[in-house]
Amino acid sequence: MPDVIAINEVTVRKGENKEINLNIARLPTQTVIDLPIFVYRAAEDGPTISVTAGLHGDEINGIETIRRMIYNQSIIPHAGTVIAIPVVNVYGFIHTSRKFPDGKDLNRSFPGSSSGSLAGRIAHVLMNEVVPHIDCGIDFHTGGASKENYPHLRCNFDFPRSLELARAFAPPFVVNSKAPDHSFRKAAALQGKPILTFEGGESLRLHDFSIRQGIDGILRLMKHLGMKNSRVANGETRVLPGSRWRRAQYSGLFRASVRIGEQIRRNQVLGYIADPFGETDYKIKAQSDGYVIGLNNMCVVNKGEALIHIAAEGGEK
């Protein structure tokens, strides 16, 4: 653990806590937009972790998770360093939008460029000002476009270190998932820095169970890494080898007959799609055993739309 960490030419020494405001750009009104980064350093040596949220500006649960930990000071480590960025996509947060004003998705813009799009420039800042300092990180997300996620972590089981960290975080589910191209998780992995993606809740809605799972998971991970002395009890964690969406075979009115987090069995009826005129009512059946980790809350759907996200059984408890 270095004696001094420098972000945007601001130095933070052991035992210091600082808020660093990175100037990103200006709105068309010339209002300055800053990216607040909170750095908490213990006097005792230890690892450095990042906790980030709001890469998609309408995904609020992770923002609230980090906010609560800053507010009650539980984010402050007894050893090592925490770099916390509650709202990465400040533009999207202001406009309650997933993307940037130019339509770019930040989580498909990594590693970014200092002369690229606005999303690419922020990605570049993260990769050059934050990622070099960390040993690992947790990036918080929710479901988007009316989809609700049950709290779970996504990581690539091909990397034992990632799975070890996911087990220490101990959410209800850990799902094997390769990082998408140009995502924060993949760009960091290419630098040897494992980032775990936490999913929980729905965009623009606070989901207290997901928030509490996120807080407890961070505290368990910090305990595992020797950064905290206090212990948070583990619930049951199921490690699942993969997942896939059950998509609409017809257009119409969708109503689910399962809930997120529920265990399902092959051939179980998961829901129905009906036409709005009372003539047809199609059953949606499970194609395999598993667990519902995501559910589309939109009732009017078109053929091909993602409806029910199912993580397959066959992993370890």
C-alpha atoms as a PDB file:
ATOM      1  CA  MET A   1       0.000   0.000   0.000  1.00  0.00           C
ATOM      2  CA  PRO A   2       1.665   3.244  -1.103  1.00  0.00           C
ATOM      3  CA  ASP A   3       2.062   6.109   1.352  1.00  0.00           C
ATOM      4  CA  VAL A   4       0.430   8.509  -1.122  1.00  0.00           C
ATOM      5  CA  ILE A   5      -2.312   8.053  -3.745  1.00  0.00           C
ATOM      6  CA  ALA A   6      -2.710  10.806  -6.328  1.00  0.00           C
ATOM      7  CA  ILE A   7      -5.930  11.289  -8.305  1.00  0.00           C
ATOM      8  CA  ASN A   8      -6.232  14.318 -10.570  1.00  0.00           C
ATOM      9  CA  GLU A   9      -3.021  15.607  -8.961  1.00  0.00           C
ATOM     10  CA  VAL A  10      -4.695  15.592  -5.516  1.00  0.00           C
ATOM     11  CA  THR A  11      -2.691  13.540  -3.025  1.00  0.00           C
ATOM     12  CA  VAL A  12      -4.250  11.414  -0.284  1.00  0.00           C
ATOM     13  CA  ARG A  13      -1.949  10.069   2.410  1.00  0.00           C
ATOM     14  CA  LYS A  14      -2.431   7.159   4.771  1.00  0.00           C
ATOM     15  CA  GLY A  15      -5.027   7.991   7.412  1.00  0.00           C
ATOM     16  CA  GLU A  16      -6.646  10.712   5.293  1.00  0.00           C
ATOM     17  CA  ASN A  17     -10.141  10.931   3.786  1.00  0.00           C
ATOM     18  CA  LYS A  18     -10.729  13.309   0.878  1.00  0.00           C
ATOM     19  CA  GLU A  19     -13.360  14.237  -1.669  1.00  0.00           C
ATOM     20  CA  ILE A  20     -11.813  14.890  -5.069  1.00  0.00           C
ATOM     21  CA  ASN A  21     -13.866  16.677  -7.711  1.00  0.00           C
ATOM     22  CA  LEU A  22     -12.833  15.848 -11.260  1.00  0.00           C
ATOM     23  CA  ASN A  23     -13.945  18.442 -13.784  1.00  0.00           C
ATOM     24  CA  ILE A  24     -15.566  16.500 -16.624  1.00  0.00           C
ATOM     25  CA  ALA A  25     -17.078  19.111 -18.912  1.00  0.00           C
ATOM     26  CA  ARG A  26     -19.743  21.818 -19.063  1.00  0.00           C
ATOM     27  CA  LEU A  27     -23.419  21.724 -19.881  1.00  0.00           C
ATOM     28  CA  PRO A  28     -24.511  23.806 -22.886  1.00  0.00           C
ATOM     29  CA  THR A  29     -25.420  26.465 -20.306  1.00  0.00           C
ATOM     30  CA  GLN A  30     -21.697  26.496 -19.327  1.00  0.00           C
ATOM     31  CA  THR A  31     -22.516  24.989 -15.932  1.00  0.00           C
ATOM     32  CA  VAL A  32     -19.491  22.980 -14.785  1.00  0.00           C
ATOM     33  CA  ILE A  33     -20.012  19.246 -14.286  1.00  0.00           C
ATOM     34  CA  ASP A  34     -17.755  17.616 -11.689  1.00  0.00           C
ATOM     35  CA  LEU A  35     -17.299  13.926 -10.897  1.00  0.00           C
ATOM     36  CA  PRO A  36     -16.993  13.522  -7.092  1.00  0.00           C
ATOM     37  CA  ILE A  37     -14.584  10.780  -5.986  1.00  0.00           C
ATOM     38  CA  PHE A  38     -14.346   9.890  -2.291  1.00  0.00           C
ATOM     39  CA  VAL A  39     -11.080   8.384  -1.038  1.00  0.00           C
ATOM     40  CA  TYR A  40     -10.904   6.769   2.423  1.00  0.00           C
ATOM     41  CA  ARG A  41      -7.461   5.672   3.588  1.00  0.00           C
ATOM     42  CA  ALA A  42      -6.646   3.873   6.821  1.00  0.00           C
ATOM     43  CA  ALA A  43      -3.317   4.321   8.538  1.00  0.00           C
ATOM     44  CA  GLU A  44      -2.790   0.557   8.436  1.00  0.00           C
ATOM     45  CA  ASP A  45      -1.626  -1.139   5.249  1.00  0.00           C
ATOM     46  CA  GLY A  46      -4.132  -3.125   3.203  1.00  0.00           C
ATOM     47  CA  PRO A  47      -5.635  -3.530  -0.251  1.00  0.00           C
ATOM     48  CA  THR A  48      -7.404  -0.845  -2.267  1.00  0.00           C
ATOM     49  CA  ILE A  49     -10.922  -1.461  -3.560  1.00  0.00           C
ATOM     50  CA  SER A  50     -13.263   0.647  -5.645  1.00  0.00           C
ATOM     51  CA  VAL A  51     -17.034   0.840  -5.255  1.00  0.00           C
ATOM     52  CA  THR A  52     -18.794   2.465  -8.201  1.00  0.00           C
ATOM     53  CA  ALA A  53     -22.404   3.078  -9.174  1.00  0.00           C
ATOM     54  CA  GLY A  54     -24.426   5.059 -11.653  1.00  0.00           C
ATOM     55  CA  LEU A  55     -22.531   4.123 -14.818  1.00  0.00           C
ATOM     56  CA  HIS A  56     -26.091   4.102 -16.105  1.00  0.00           C
ATOM     57  CA  GLY A  57     -27.610   7.268 -14.719  1.00  0.00           C
ATOM     58  CA  ASP A  58     -31.082   5.836 -14.104  1.00  0.00           C
ATOM     59  CA  GLU A  59     -29.809   2.928 -11.972  1.00  0.00           C
ATOM     60  CA  ILE A  60     -30.287   4.368  -8.507  1.00  0.00           C
ATOM     61  CA  ASN A  61     -29.944   1.453  -6.072  1.00  0.00           C
ATOM     62  CA  GLY A  62     -26.149   1.340  -6.209  1.00  0.00           C
ATOM     63  CA  ILE A  63     -25.994   5.092  -5.722  1.00  0.00           C
ATOM     64  CA  GLU A  64     -28.126   4.761  -2.590  1.00  0.00           C
ATOM     65  CA  THR A  65     -26.024   1.820  -1.388  1.00  0.00           C
ATOM     66  CA  ILE A  66     -22.815   3.856  -1.474  1.00  0.00           C
ATOM     67  CA  ARG A  67     -24.564   6.990  -0.155  1.00  0.00           C
ATOM     68  CA  ARG A  68     -25.756   5.165   2.951  1.00  0.00           C
ATOM     69  CA  MET A  69     -22.283   3.809   3.637  1.00  0.00           C
ATOM     70  CA  ILE A  70     -20.738   7.252   3.276  1.00  0.00           C
ATOM     71  CA  TYR A  71     -23.438   8.782   5.479  1.00  0.00           C
ATOM     72  CA  ASN A  72     -23.018   6.276   8.329  1.00  0.00           C
ATOM     73  CA  GLN A  73     -19.241   6.042   7.775  1.00  0.00           C
ATOM     74  CA  SER A  74     -19.311   2.261   7.447  1.00  0.00           C
ATOM     75  CA  ILE A  75     -17.350   2.652   4.215  1.00  0.00           C
ATOM     76  CA  ILE A  76     -14.267   3.851   6.113  1.00  0.00           C
ATOM     77  CA  PRO A  77     -11.756   0.980   6.320  1.00  0.00           C
ATOM     78  CA  HIS A  78      -9.702  -0.066   9.324  1.00  0.00           C
ATOM     79  CA  ALA A  79      -6.926  -1.067   6.899  1.00  0.00           C
ATOM     80  CA  GLY A  80      -6.314  -0.296   3.257  1.00  0.00           C
ATOM     81  CA  THR A  81      -8.171   2.130   0.997  1.00  0.00           C
ATOM     82  CA  VAL A  82     -11.664   2.524  -0.447  1.00  0.00           C
ATOM     83  CA  ILE A  83     -12.227   4.660  -3.548  1.00  0.00           C
ATOM     84  CA  ALA A  84     -15.960   5.358  -3.816  1.00  0.00           C
ATOM     85  CA  ILE A  85     -17.712   6.946  -6.794  1.00  0.00           C
ATOM     86  CA  PRO A  86     -21.470   7.010  -6.111  1.00  0.00           C
ATOM     87  CA  VAL A  87     -22.485   8.633  -9.438  1.00  0.00           C
ATOM     88  CA  VAL A  88     -20.167   7.935 -12.364  1.00  0.00           C
ATOM     89  CA  ASN A  89     -22.555   9.098 -15.098  1.00  0.00           C
ATOM     90  CA  VAL A  90     -23.484  12.494 -13.698  1.00  0.00           C
ATOM     91  CA  TYR A  91     -25.155  13.514 -16.982  1.00  0.00           C
ATOM     92  CA  GLY A  92     -27.437  10.475 -16.985  1.00  0.00           C
ATOM     93  CA  PHE A  93     -28.269  10.961 -13.304  1.00  0.00           C
ATOM     94  CA  ILE A  94     -29.329  14.561 -13.885  1.00  0.00           C
ATOM     95  CA  HIS A  95     -31.596  13.521 -16.762  1.00  0.00           C
ATOM     96  CA  THR A  96     -32.702  10.185 -15.196  1.00  0.00           C
ATOM     97  CA  SER A  97     -31.323   8.526 -18.317  1.00  0.00           C
ATOM     98  CA  ARG A  98     -29.296   5.378 -18.891  1.00  0.00           C
ATOM     99  CA  LYS A  99     -27.067   7.035 -21.469  1.00  0.00           C
ATOM    100  CA  PHE A 100     -25.208  10.233 -22.207  1.00  0.00           C
ATOM    101  CA  PRO A 101     -26.754  13.162 -24.124  1.00  0.00           C
ATOM    102  CA  ASP A 102     -25.211  11.844 -27.369  1.00  0.00           C
ATOM    103  CA  GLY A 103     -26.802   8.406 -26.825  1.00  0.00           C
ATOM    104  CA  LYS A 104     -23.561   6.659 -25.805  1.00  0.00           C
ATOM    105  CA  ASP A 105     -23.624   3.896 -23.190  1.00  0.00           C
ATOM    106  CA  LEU A 106     -20.734   4.441 -20.766  1.00  0.00           C
ATOM    107  CA  ASN A 107     -20.526   0.733 -19.999  1.00  0.00           C
ATOM    108  CA  ARG A 108     -19.816   0.038 -23.668  1.00  0.00           C
ATOM    109  CA  SER A 109     -17.254   2.843 -24.029  1.00  0.00           C
ATOM    110  CA  PHE A 110     -14.202   1.448 -22.218  1.00  0.00           C
ATOM    111  CA  PRO A 111     -11.271   1.879 -22.128  1.00  0.00           C
ATOM    112  CA  GLY A 112     -12.200   5.238 -23.593  1.00  0.00           C
ATOM    113  CA  SER A 113     -10.124   8.063 -24.998  1.00  0.00           C
ATOM    114  CA  SER A 114      -9.092  11.519 -23.842  1.00  0.00           C
ATOM    115  CA  SER A 115     -10.253  12.883 -27.200  1.00  0.00           C
ATOM    116  CA  GLY A 116     -13.303  10.686 -27.795  1.00  0.00           C
ATOM    117  CA  SER A 117     -17.004  11.010 -27.020  1.00  0.00           C
ATOM    118  CA  LEU A 118     -18.118  12.346 -23.646  1.00  0.00           C
ATOM    119  CA  ALA A 119     -18.720   8.774 -22.417  1.00  0.00           C
ATOM    120  CA  GLY A 120     -15.326   7.732 -23.764  1.00  0.00           C
ATOM    121  CA  ARG A 121     -13.615  10.595 -21.937  1.00  0.00           C
ATOM    122  CA  ILE A 122     -15.156   9.598 -18.590  1.00  0.00           C
ATOM    123  CA  ALA A 123     -14.204   5.962 -19.241  1.00  0.00           C
ATOM    124  CA  HIS A 124     -10.664   7.171 -19.918  1.00  0.00           C
ATOM    125  CA  VAL A 125     -10.623   9.073 -16.620  1.00  0.00           C
ATOM    126  CA  LEU A 126     -11.699   5.981 -14.677  1.00  0.00           C
ATOM    127  CA  MET A 127      -9.143   3.763 -16.384  1.00  0.00           C
ATOM    128  CA  ASN A 128      -6.278   6.182 -15.855  1.00  0.00           C
ATOM    129  CA  GLU A 129      -7.065   7.947 -12.574  1.00  0.00           C
ATOM    130  CA  VAL A 130      -8.751   5.190 -10.528  1.00  0.00           C
ATOM    131  CA  VAL A 131      -8.149   1.669 -11.861  1.00  0.00           C
ATOM    132  CA  PRO A 132      -4.327   1.782 -11.572  1.00  0.00           C
ATOM    133  CA  HIS A 133      -4.671   2.250  -7.793  1.00  0.00           C
ATOM    134  CA  ILE A 134      -7.082  -0.609  -7.035  1.00  0.00           C
ATOM    135  CA  ASP A 135      -6.719  -4.319  -6.388  1.00  0.00           C
ATOM    136  CA  CYS A 136     -10.384  -5.102  -7.112  1.00  0.00           C
ATOM    137  CA  GLY A 137     -13.788  -3.448  -7.241  1.00  0.00           C
ATOM    138  CA  ILE A 138     -17.561  -3.753  -7.132  1.00  0.00           C
ATOM    139  CA  ASP A 139     -19.653  -2.014  -9.785  1.00  0.00           C
ATOM    140  CA  PHE A 140     -23.358  -1.608  -8.939  1.00  0.00           C
ATOM    141  CA  HIS A 141     -26.161  -1.923 -11.489  1.00  0.00           C
ATOM    142  CA  THR A 142     -29.901  -2.548 -11.655  1.00  0.00           C
ATOM    143  CA  GLY A 143     -32.211  -3.926 -14.309  1.00  0.00           C
ATOM    144  CA  GLY A 144     -33.075  -1.521 -17.109  1.00  0.00           C
ATOM    145  CA  ALA A 145     -36.110  -0.914 -19.310  1.00  0.00           C
ATOM    146  CA  SER A 146     -38.686  -2.089 -16.723  1.00  0.00           C
ATOM    147  CA  LYS A 147     -36.663  -5.200 -15.834  1.00  0.00           C
ATOM    148  CA  GLU A 148     -36.156  -6.028 -12.163  1.00  0.00           C
ATOM    149  CA  ASN A 149     -33.151  -8.027 -10.972  1.00  0.00           C
ATOM    150  CA  TYR A 150     -32.888 -10.175  -7.879  1.00  0.00           C
ATOM    151  CA  PRO A 151     -29.650  -9.348  -6.024  1.00  0.00           C
ATOM    152  CA  HIS A 152     -26.762 -11.261  -7.589  1.00  0.00           C
ATOM    153  CA  LEU A 153     -23.151 -10.913  -8.653  1.00  0.00           C
ATOM    154  CA  ARG A 154     -21.860 -11.532 -12.153  1.00  0.00           C
ATOM    155  CA  CYS A 155     -18.285 -12.681 -12.624  1.00  0.00           C
ATOM    156  CA  ASN A 156     -16.233 -14.866 -14.944  1.00  0.00           C
ATOM    157  CA  PHE A 157     -15.600 -18.248 -13.325  1.00  0.00           C
ATOM    158  CA  ASP A 158     -12.543 -18.700 -15.559  1.00  0.00           C
ATOM    159  CA  PHE A 159     -10.733 -16.395 -13.128  1.00  0.00           C
ATOM    160  CA  PRO A 160     -10.487 -18.012  -9.658  1.00  0.00           C
ATOM    161  CA  ARG A 161      -9.731 -14.689  -7.963  1.00  0.00           C
ATOM    162  CA  SER A 162     -13.025 -13.226  -9.180  1.00  0.00           C
ATOM    163  CA  LEU A 163     -14.973 -16.211  -7.889  1.00  0.00           C
ATOM    164  CA  GLU A 164     -13.158 -16.022  -4.558  1.00  0.00           C
ATOM    165  CA  LEU A 165     -14.134 -12.369  -4.159  1.00  0.00           C
ATOM    166  CA  ALA A 166     -17.726 -13.121  -5.196  1.00  0.00           C
ATOM    167  CA  ARG A 167     -17.998 -15.860  -2.572  1.00  0.00           C
ATOM    168  CA  ALA A 168     -16.670 -13.428   0.046  1.00  0.00           C
ATOM    169  CA  PHE A 169     -19.281 -10.828  -0.971  1.00  0.00           C
ATOM    170  CA  ALA A 170     -21.844 -13.656  -0.534  1.00  0.00           C
ATOM    171  CA  PRO A 171     -24.976 -12.404  -2.330  1.00  0.00           C
ATOM    172  CA  PRO A 172     -27.982 -14.723  -2.797  1.00  0.00           C
ATOM    173  CA  PHE A 173     -26.669 -15.754  -6.245  1.00  0.00           C
ATOM    174  CA  VAL A 174     -23.320 -15.686  -8.038  1.00  0.00           C
ATOM    175  CA  VAL A 175     -23.730 -16.197 -11.787  1.00  0.00           C
ATOM    176  CA  ASN A 176     -21.024 -17.100 -14.278  1.00  0.00           C
ATOM    177  CA  SER A 177     -20.929 -14.317 -16.870  1.00  0.00           C
ATOM    178  CA  LYS A 178     -18.243 -13.174 -19.259  1.00  0.00           C
ATOM    179  CA  ALA A 179     -17.752  -9.431 -19.337  1.00  0.00           C
ATOM    180  CA  PRO A 180     -19.239  -7.686 -22.392  1.00  0.00           C
ATOM    181  CA  ASP A 181     -16.810  -6.093 -24.815  1.00  0.00           C
ATOM    182  CA  HIS A 182     -15.896  -2.486 -23.958  1.00  0.00           C
ATOM    183  CA  SER A 183     -17.461  -2.770 -20.481  1.00  0.00           C
ATOM    184  CA  PHE A 184     -15.825  -1.431 -17.333  1.00  0.00           C
ATOM    185  CA  ARG A 185     -15.470  -4.993 -16.031  1.00  0.00           C
ATOM    186  CA  LYS A 186     -13.647  -6.224 -19.126  1.00  0.00           C
ATOM    187  CA  ALA A 187     -11.367  -3.200 -19.456  1.00  0.00           C
ATOM    188  CA  ALA A 188     -10.304  -3.532 -15.814  1.00  0.00           C
ATOM    189  CA  ALA A 189      -9.790  -7.299 -16.192  1.00  0.00           C
ATOM    190  CA  LEU A 190      -7.387  -6.643 -19.065  1.00  0.00           C
ATOM    191  CA  GLN A 191      -5.314  -4.661 -16.555  1.00  0.00           C
ATOM    192  CA  GLY A 192      -5.450  -7.547 -14.073  1.00  0.00           C
ATOM    193  CA  LYS A 193      -7.997  -5.805 -11.826  1.00  0.00           C
ATOM    194  CA  PRO A 194     -11.089  -7.953 -11.085  1.00  0.00           C
ATOM    195  CA  ILE A 195     -14.343  -5.990 -11.032  1.00  0.00           C
ATOM    196  CA  LEU A 196     -17.517  -7.754  -9.897  1.00  0.00           C
ATOM    197  CA  THR A 197     -20.868  -6.572 -11.258  1.00  0.00           C
ATOM    198  CA  PHE A 198     -23.662  -6.424  -8.675  1.00  0.00           C
ATOM    199  CA  GLU A 199     -27.204  -6.450 -10.038  1.00  0.00           C
ATOM    200  CA  GLY A 200     -30.234  -5.666  -7.918  1.00  0.00           C
ATOM    201  CA  GLY A 201     -33.591  -3.957  -8.339  1.00  0.00           C
ATOM    202  CA  GLU A 202     -34.996  -1.894 -11.199  1.00  0.00           C
ATOM    203  CA  SER A 203     -33.982   1.437 -12.737  1.00  0.00           C
ATOM    204  CA  LEU A 204     -35.452   4.602 -11.172  1.00  0.00           C
ATOM    205  CA  ARG A 205     -36.832   2.641  -8.193  1.00  0.00           C
ATOM    206  CA  LEU A 206     -35.247   2.109  -4.782  1.00  0.00           C
ATOM    207  CA  HIS A 207     -35.311  -1.560  -3.775  1.00  0.00           C
ATOM    208  CA  ASP A 208     -34.369  -1.776  -0.106  1.00  0.00           C
ATOM    209  CA  PHE A 209     -33.588  -5.508  -0.113  1.00  0.00           C
ATOM    210  CA  SER A 210     -31.060  -5.017  -2.938  1.00  0.00           C
ATOM    211  CA  ILE A 211     -29.552  -1.998  -1.187  1.00  0.00           C
ATOM    212  CA  ARG A 212     -29.124  -3.930   2.068  1.00  0.00           C
ATOM    213  CA  GLN A 213     -27.607  -6.880   0.189  1.00  0.00           C
ATOM    214  CA  GLY A 214     -25.154  -4.493  -1.452  1.00  0.00           C
ATOM    215  CA  ILE A 215     -24.109  -2.898   1.839  1.00  0.00           C
ATOM    216  CA  ASP A 216     -23.709  -6.231   3.614  1.00  0.00           C
ATOM    217  CA  GLY A 217     -21.771  -7.634   0.671  1.00  0.00           C
ATOM    218  CA  ILE A 218     -19.275  -4.766   0.664  1.00  0.00           C
ATOM    219  CA  LEU A 219     -18.750  -5.174   4.406  1.00  0.00           C
ATOM    220  CA  ARG A 220     -18.250  -8.944   4.044  1.00  0.00           C
ATOM    221  CA  LEU A 221     -15.760  -8.386   1.230  1.00  0.00           C
ATOM    222  CA  MET A 222     -13.851  -5.822   3.297  1.00  0.00           C
ATOM    223  CA  LYS A 223     -13.746  -8.277   6.189  1.00  0.00           C
ATOM    224  CA  HIS A 224     -12.419 -10.988   3.862  1.00  0.00           C
ATOM    225  CA  LEU A 225      -9.688  -8.642   2.614  1.00  0.00           C
ATOM    226  CA  GLY A 226      -8.665  -7.633   6.131  1.00  0.00           C
ATOM    227  CA  MET A 227     -10.034  -4.109   5.756  1.00  0.00           C
ATOM    228  CA  LYS A 228     -12.712  -4.401   8.447  1.00  0.00           C
ATOM    229  CA  ASN A 229     -12.786  -6.038  11.884  1.00  0.00           C
ATOM    230  CA  SER A 230     -16.550  -6.451  12.218  1.00  0.00           C
ATOM    231  CA  ARG A 231     -18.317  -9.490  10.751  1.00  0.00           C
ATOM    232  CA  VAL A 232     -21.611  -9.524   8.818  1.00  0.00           C
ATOM    233  CA  ALA A 233     -23.474 -12.834   8.821  1.00  0.00           C
ATOM    234  CA  ASN A 234     -23.705 -14.684   5.518  1.00  0.00           C
ATOM    235  CA  GLY A 235     -26.954 -15.881   4.017  1.00  0.00           C
ATOM    236  CA  GLU A 236     -27.145 -18.748   1.545  1.00  0.00           C
ATOM    237  CA  THR A 237     -25.244 -18.159  -1.683  1.00  0.00           C
ATOM    238  CA  ARG A 238     -25.875 -20.275  -4.755  1.00  0.00           C
ATOM    239  CA  VAL A 239     -23.155 -20.395  -7.393  1.00  0.00           C
ATOM    240  CA  LEU A 240     -24.753 -20.890 -10.801  1.00  0.00           C
ATOM    241  CA  PRO A 241     -22.972 -21.799 -14.061  1.00  0.00           C
ATOM    242  CA  GLY A 242     -24.844 -19.456 -16.413  1.00  0.00           C
ATOM    243  CA  SER A 243     -28.093 -17.757 -17.319  1.00  0.00           C
ATOM    244  CA  ARG A 244     -30.316 -16.915 -20.266  1.00  0.00           C
ATOM    245  CA  TRP A 245     -33.448 -14.894 -20.971  1.00  0.00           C
ATOM    246  CA  ARG A 246     -36.759 -16.540 -21.825  1.00  0.00           C
ATOM    247  CA  ARG A 247     -38.063 -14.390 -24.662  1.00  0.00           C
ATOM    248  CA  ALA A 248     -41.566 -13.672 -25.892  1.00  0.00           C
ATOM    249  CA  GLN A 249     -42.696 -16.011 -28.672  1.00  0.00           C
ATOM    250  CA  TYR A 250     -45.755 -13.837 -29.272  1.00  0.00           C
ATOM    251  CA  SER A 251     -46.732 -10.191 -28.928  1.00  0.00           C
ATOM    252  CA  GLY A 252     -49.454  -9.205 -26.472  1.00  0.00           C
ATOM    253  CA  LEU A 253     -50.157  -8.690 -22.773  1.00  0.00           C
ATOM    254  CA  PHE A 254     -47.593 -10.373 -20.506  1.00  0.00           C
ATOM    255  CA  ARG A 255     -48.360 -11.491 -16.966  1.00  0.00           C
ATOM    256  CA  ALA A 256     -45.828 -13.440 -14.931  1.00  0.00           C
ATOM    257  CA  SER A 257     -46.758 -16.250 -12.560  1.00  0.00           C
ATOM    258  CA  VAL A 258     -43.332 -16.366 -10.875  1.00  0.00           C
ATOM    259  CA  ARG A 259     -41.400 -13.895  -8.742  1.00  0.00           C
ATOM    260  CA  ILE A 260     -37.752 -12.875  -8.834  1.00  0.00           C
ATOM    261  CA  GLY A 261     -35.617 -15.086  -6.629  1.00  0.00           C
ATOM    262  CA  GLU A 262     -37.982 -18.030  -7.029  1.00  0.00           C
ATOM    263  CA  GLN A 263     -36.723 -21.535  -7.784  1.00  0.00           C
ATOM    264  CA  ILE A 264     -38.370 -23.058 -10.850  1.00  0.00           C
ATOM    265  CA  ARG A 265     -38.574 -26.494 -12.456  1.00  0.00           C
ATOM    266  CA  ARG A 266     -38.561 -27.653 -16.049  1.00  0.00           C
ATOM    267  CA  ASN A 267     -42.018 -27.357 -17.704  1.00  0.00           C
ATOM    268  CA  GLN A 268     -43.317 -25.093 -14.919  1.00  0.00           C
ATOM    269  CA  VAL A 269     -45.636 -22.347 -16.179  1.00  0.00           C
ATOM    270  CA  LEU A 270     -43.753 -19.064 -15.802  1.00  0.00           C
ATOM    271  CA  GLY A 271     -46.410 -16.741 -17.176  1.00  0.00           C
ATOM    272  CA  TYR A 272     -48.804 -16.019 -19.989  1.00  0.00           C
ATOM    273  CA  ILE A 273     -49.052 -13.824 -23.079  1.00  0.00           C
ATOM    274  CA  ALA A 274     -52.577 -12.937 -24.202  1.00  0.00           C
ATOM    275  CA  ASP A 275     -53.940 -10.870 -27.043  1.00  0.00           C
ATOM    276  CA  PRO A 276     -55.913  -7.809 -25.851  1.00  0.00           C
ATOM    277  CA  PHE A 277     -59.188  -9.086 -27.366  1.00  0.00           C
ATOM    278  CA  GLY A 278     -59.681 -12.226 -25.292  1.00  0.00           C
ATOM    279  CA  GLU A 279     -59.086 -14.744 -28.071  1.00  0.00           C
ATOM    280  CA  THR A 280     -55.744 -16.344 -27.115  1.00  0.00           C
ATOM    281  CA  ASP A 281     -53.742 -16.982 -23.955  1.00  0.00           C
ATOM    282  CA  TYR A 282     -50.321 -18.609 -24.486  1.00  0.00           C
ATOM    283  CA  LYS A 283     -48.430 -20.344 -21.673  1.00  0.00           C
ATOM    284  CA  ILE A 284     -44.726 -19.687 -21.148  1.00  0.00           C
ATOM    285  CA  LYS A 285     -43.027 -22.795 -19.755  1.00  0.00           C
ATOM    286  CA  ALA A 286     -39.605 -23.271 -18.214  1.00  0.00           C
ATOM    287  CA  GLN A 287     -37.163 -25.124 -20.436  1.00  0.00           C
ATOM    288  CA  SER A 288     -34.924 -26.145 -17.531  1.00  0.00           C
ATOM    289  CA  ASP A 289     -34.561 -26.036 -13.747  1.00  0.00           C
ATOM    290  CA  GLY A 290     -33.156 -22.849 -12.273  1.00  0.00           C
ATOM    291  CA  TYR A 291     -33.805 -19.590 -10.463  1.00  0.00           C
ATOM    292  CA  VAL A 292     -35.524 -16.399 -11.602  1.00  0.00           C
ATOM    293  CA  ILE A 293     -32.914 -13.635 -11.338  1.00  0.00           C
ATOM    294  CA  GLY A 294     -34.649 -11.101 -13.582  1.00  0.00           C
ATOM    295  CA  LEU A 295     -38.210 -10.266 -14.576  1.00  0.00           C
ATOM    296  CA  ASN A 296     -39.709  -7.868 -17.106  1.00  0.00           C
ATOM    297  CA  ASN A 297     -42.378  -5.746 -15.397  1.00  0.00           C
ATOM    298  CA  MET A 298     -43.676  -4.353 -18.696  1.00  0.00           C
ATOM    299  CA  CYS A 299     -47.115  -5.797 -19.429  1.00  0.00           C
ATOM    300  CA  VAL A 300     -47.269  -4.951 -23.165  1.00  0.00           C
ATOM    301  CA  VAL A 301     -44.568  -6.900 -25.016  1.00  0.00           C
ATOM    302  CA  ASN A 302     -43.516  -7.652 -28.563  1.00  0.00           C
ATOM    303  CA  LYS A 303     -42.262 -10.910 -29.988  1.00  0.00           C
ATOM    304  CA  GLY A 304     -38.611 -11.452 -29.104  1.00  0.00           C
ATOM    305  CA  GLU A 305     -38.532  -9.247 -26.007  1.00  0.00           C
ATOM    306  CA  ALA A 306     -36.735 -10.525 -22.900  1.00  0.00           C
ATOM    307  CA  LEU A 307     -39.265 -11.597 -20.272  1.00  0.00           C
ATOM    308  CA  ILE A 308     -37.739 -13.840 -17.609  1.00  0.00           C
ATOM    309  CA  HIS A 309     -34.033 -14.178 -16.794  1.00  0.00           C
ATOM    310  CA  ILE A 310     -33.260 -17.673 -15.552  1.00  0.00           C
ATOM    311  CA  ALA A 311     -29.975 -18.776 -13.967  1.00  0.00           C
ATOM    312  CA  ALA A 312     -29.394 -22.473 -14.500  1.00  0.00           C
ATOM    313  CA  GLU A 313     -28.946 -24.948 -11.672  1.00  0.00           C
ATOM    314  CA  GLY A 314     -25.904 -27.179 -11.551  1.00  0.00           C
ATOM    315  CA  GLY A 315     -23.509 -24.948  -9.634  1.00  0.00           C
ATOM    316  CA  GLU A 316     -22.423 -25.197  -6.018  1.00  0.00           C
ATOM    317  CA  LYS A 317     -24.081 -23.906  -2.876  1.00  0.00           C
END
